[in-house]
């Protein structure tokens, strides 16, 4: 299979209706759009994880302090739970995309979660 055929096979044809004559050198009015799976894999490759901004970081630290106080545990214990849940070595590595999930996780922590 040639390279041009491989490229074309990744795209889905869409017929286009024109209200005026085509002003192009192409023989058809078919536009090829990428299949969703090709497009999503390309977008995933472009995905860049942004670090927490200052306000997000302050909110997480404040909620960690509150949870530690409320559950009668050390803040380091709460941090270790968050690090384990979000698969980071240090809580500072959490990305901005996970901010809302971290907040939900901290709010949902139960006292039984801290018992061994």
C-alpha atoms as a PDB file:
ATOM      1  CA  UNK A   1       0.000   0.000   0.000  1.00  0.00           C
ATOM      2  CA  UNK A   2       1.449   3.373  -0.943  1.00  0.00           C
ATOM      3  CA  UNK A   3       1.845   6.245   1.465  1.00  0.00           C
ATOM      4  CA  UNK A   4      -0.867   8.326  -0.189  1.00  0.00           C
ATOM      5  CA  UNK A   5      -3.339   5.438   0.048  1.00  0.00           C
ATOM      6  CA  UNK A   6      -2.497   4.924   3.742  1.00  0.00           C
ATOM      7  CA  UNK A   7      -3.101   8.597   4.420  1.00  0.00           C
ATOM      8  CA  UNK A   8      -6.382   8.617   2.562  1.00  0.00           C
ATOM      9  CA  UNK A   9      -7.575   5.446   4.318  1.00  0.00           C
ATOM     10  CA  UNK A  10      -7.299   7.291   7.658  1.00  0.00           C
ATOM     11  CA  UNK A  11      -9.857   9.858   6.509  1.00  0.00           C
ATOM     12  CA  UNK A  12     -13.620   9.675   6.058  1.00  0.00           C
ATOM     13  CA  UNK A  13     -15.095  11.234   2.912  1.00  0.00           C
ATOM     14  CA  UNK A  14     -17.787  13.906   3.244  1.00  0.00           C
ATOM     15  CA  UNK A  15     -19.698  15.156   0.226  1.00  0.00           C
ATOM     16  CA  UNK A  16     -20.018  18.944  -0.021  1.00  0.00           C
ATOM     17  CA  UNK A  17     -22.834  20.782  -1.789  1.00  0.00           C
ATOM     18  CA  UNK A  18     -21.808  23.976  -3.534  1.00  0.00           C
ATOM     19  CA  UNK A  19     -24.079  26.901  -4.318  1.00  0.00           C
ATOM     20  CA  UNK A  20     -21.688  28.151  -7.002  1.00  0.00           C
ATOM     21  CA  UNK A  21     -19.250  26.383  -9.319  1.00  0.00           C
ATOM     22  CA  UNK A  22     -16.086  25.040  -7.765  1.00  0.00           C
ATOM     23  CA  UNK A  23     -13.044  27.241  -8.290  1.00  0.00           C
ATOM     24  CA  UNK A  24     -10.508  24.502  -7.657  1.00  0.00           C
ATOM     25  CA  UNK A  25      -8.416  22.108  -9.697  1.00  0.00           C
ATOM     26  CA  UNK A  26      -9.824  19.070  -7.843  1.00  0.00           C
ATOM     27  CA  UNK A  27     -12.073  16.742  -9.828  1.00  0.00           C
ATOM     28  CA  UNK A  28     -14.610  16.147  -7.025  1.00  0.00           C
ATOM     29  CA  UNK A  29     -16.272  18.053  -4.242  1.00  0.00           C
ATOM     30  CA  UNK A  30     -15.309  15.472  -1.627  1.00  0.00           C
ATOM     31  CA  UNK A  31     -13.470  16.613   1.474  1.00  0.00           C
ATOM     32  CA  UNK A  32     -11.654  14.069   3.583  1.00  0.00           C
ATOM     33  CA  UNK A  33     -11.994  14.513   7.347  1.00  0.00           C
ATOM     34  CA  UNK A  34      -9.945  12.482   9.819  1.00  0.00           C
ATOM     35  CA  UNK A  35     -11.642   9.564  11.559  1.00  0.00           C
ATOM     36  CA  UNK A  36     -12.315  10.296  15.212  1.00  0.00           C
ATOM     37  CA  UNK A  37      -9.879   7.624  16.439  1.00  0.00           C
ATOM     38  CA  UNK A  38      -7.063   9.135  14.358  1.00  0.00           C
ATOM     39  CA  UNK A  39      -7.935  12.631  15.541  1.00  0.00           C
ATOM     40  CA  UNK A  40      -8.169  11.630  19.213  1.00  0.00           C
ATOM     41  CA  UNK A  41      -4.796   9.869  19.110  1.00  0.00           C
ATOM     42  CA  UNK A  42      -3.229  12.967  17.566  1.00  0.00           C
ATOM     43  CA  UNK A  43      -4.826  15.174  20.233  1.00  0.00           C
ATOM     44  CA  UNK A  44      -3.609  12.829  22.972  1.00  0.00           C
ATOM     45  CA  UNK A  45      -0.072  13.190  21.638  1.00  0.00           C
ATOM     46  CA  UNK A  46      -0.432  16.970  21.923  1.00  0.00           C
ATOM     47  CA  UNK A  47      -1.814  16.780  25.485  1.00  0.00           C
ATOM     48  CA  UNK A  48       0.356  18.793  27.831  1.00  0.00           C
ATOM     49  CA  UNK A  49      -0.209  18.596  31.551  1.00  0.00           C
ATOM     50  CA  UNK A  50      -0.155  22.018  33.129  1.00  0.00           C
ATOM     51  CA  UNK A  51       1.027  22.396  36.716  1.00  0.00           C
ATOM     52  CA  UNK A  52      -1.344  23.650  39.390  1.00  0.00           C
ATOM     53  CA  UNK A  53      -1.670  27.406  39.450  1.00  0.00           C
ATOM     54  CA  UNK A  54      -1.132  29.284  42.714  1.00  0.00           C
ATOM     55  CA  UNK A  55      -4.827  29.426  43.656  1.00  0.00           C
ATOM     56  CA  UNK A  56      -5.358  25.713  42.983  1.00  0.00           C
ATOM     57  CA  UNK A  57      -2.280  24.843  45.038  1.00  0.00           C
ATOM     58  CA  UNK A  58      -3.465  27.038  47.965  1.00  0.00           C
ATOM     59  CA  UNK A  59      -6.924  25.436  47.839  1.00  0.00           C
ATOM     60  CA  UNK A  60      -5.506  21.905  47.908  1.00  0.00           C
ATOM     61  CA  UNK A  61      -3.107  22.736  50.763  1.00  0.00           C
ATOM     62  CA  UNK A  62      -5.945  24.347  52.764  1.00  0.00           C
ATOM     63  CA  UNK A  63      -8.213  21.342  52.214  1.00  0.00           C
ATOM     64  CA  UNK A  64      -5.394  18.952  53.189  1.00  0.00           C
ATOM     65  CA  UNK A  65      -4.923  20.926  56.422  1.00  0.00           C
ATOM     66  CA  UNK A  66      -8.664  20.830  57.125  1.00  0.00           C
ATOM     67  CA  UNK A  67      -8.981  17.102  56.409  1.00  0.00           C
ATOM     68  CA  UNK A  68      -5.967  16.366  58.629  1.00  0.00           C
ATOM     69  CA  UNK A  69      -7.459  18.434  61.458  1.00  0.00           C
ATOM     70  CA  UNK A  70     -10.947  16.957  61.023  1.00  0.00           C
ATOM     71  CA  UNK A  71      -9.744  13.330  60.877  1.00  0.00           C
ATOM     72  CA  UNK A  72      -7.103  13.784  63.630  1.00  0.00           C
ATOM     73  CA  UNK A  73      -4.171  12.765  61.426  1.00  0.00           C
ATOM     74  CA  UNK A  74      -0.978  14.443  60.297  1.00  0.00           C
ATOM     75  CA  UNK A  75      -1.034  16.445  57.042  1.00  0.00           C
ATOM     76  CA  UNK A  76       1.732  14.185  55.702  1.00  0.00           C
ATOM     77  CA  UNK A  77      -0.630  11.222  55.997  1.00  0.00           C
ATOM     78  CA  UNK A  78      -3.298  13.009  53.953  1.00  0.00           C
ATOM     79  CA  UNK A  79      -0.661  14.028  51.377  1.00  0.00           C
ATOM     80  CA  UNK A  80       0.506  10.419  51.069  1.00  0.00           C
ATOM     81  CA  UNK A  81      -3.075   9.294  50.393  1.00  0.00           C
ATOM     82  CA  UNK A  82      -3.417  11.903  47.641  1.00  0.00           C
ATOM     83  CA  UNK A  83      -0.020  10.999  46.161  1.00  0.00           C
ATOM     84  CA  UNK A  84      -0.907   7.321  46.079  1.00  0.00           C
ATOM     85  CA  UNK A  85      -4.370   7.940  44.594  1.00  0.00           C
ATOM     86  CA  UNK A  86      -3.028  10.195  41.818  1.00  0.00           C
ATOM     87  CA  UNK A  87       0.177   8.215  41.193  1.00  0.00           C
ATOM     88  CA  UNK A  88       2.663  11.009  41.872  1.00  0.00           C
ATOM     89  CA  UNK A  89       5.846  10.866  43.944  1.00  0.00           C
ATOM     90  CA  UNK A  90       5.229  14.291  45.435  1.00  0.00           C
ATOM     91  CA  UNK A  91       1.947  16.151  45.765  1.00  0.00           C
ATOM     92  CA  UNK A  92       3.436  19.154  43.964  1.00  0.00           C
ATOM     93  CA  UNK A  93       3.506  17.023  40.773  1.00  0.00           C
ATOM     94  CA  UNK A  94      -0.289  16.961  40.522  1.00  0.00           C
ATOM     95  CA  UNK A  95      -1.410  18.634  37.306  1.00  0.00           C
ATOM     96  CA  UNK A  96      -4.083  21.262  36.903  1.00  0.00           C
ATOM     97  CA  UNK A  97      -6.327  18.831  34.995  1.00  0.00           C
ATOM     98  CA  UNK A  98      -6.612  16.734  38.184  1.00  0.00           C
ATOM     99  CA  UNK A  99      -7.494  19.659  40.455  1.00  0.00           C
ATOM    100  CA  UNK A 100     -11.241  18.985  40.686  1.00  0.00           C
ATOM    101  CA  UNK A 101     -10.662  15.254  41.201  1.00  0.00           C
ATOM    102  CA  UNK A 102      -8.210  15.961  44.032  1.00  0.00           C
ATOM    103  CA  UNK A 103     -10.752  18.235  45.720  1.00  0.00           C
ATOM    104  CA  UNK A 104     -13.477  15.577  45.379  1.00  0.00           C
ATOM    105  CA  UNK A 105     -11.135  12.897  46.702  1.00  0.00           C
ATOM    106  CA  UNK A 106     -10.212  14.954  49.768  1.00  0.00           C
ATOM    107  CA  UNK A 107     -13.831  15.812  50.508  1.00  0.00           C
ATOM    108  CA  UNK A 108     -14.862  12.153  50.237  1.00  0.00           C
ATOM    109  CA  UNK A 109     -12.132  10.779  52.531  1.00  0.00           C
ATOM    110  CA  UNK A 110     -13.622   8.941  55.507  1.00  0.00           C
ATOM    111  CA  UNK A 111     -12.031   8.285  58.926  1.00  0.00           C
ATOM    112  CA  UNK A 112     -12.031   4.548  58.147  1.00  0.00           C
ATOM    113  CA  UNK A 113      -9.692   5.275  55.205  1.00  0.00           C
ATOM    114  CA  UNK A 114      -6.970   6.227  57.711  1.00  0.00           C
ATOM    115  CA  UNK A 115      -7.207   3.030  59.753  1.00  0.00           C
ATOM    116  CA  UNK A 116      -4.803   0.196  58.967  1.00  0.00           C
END
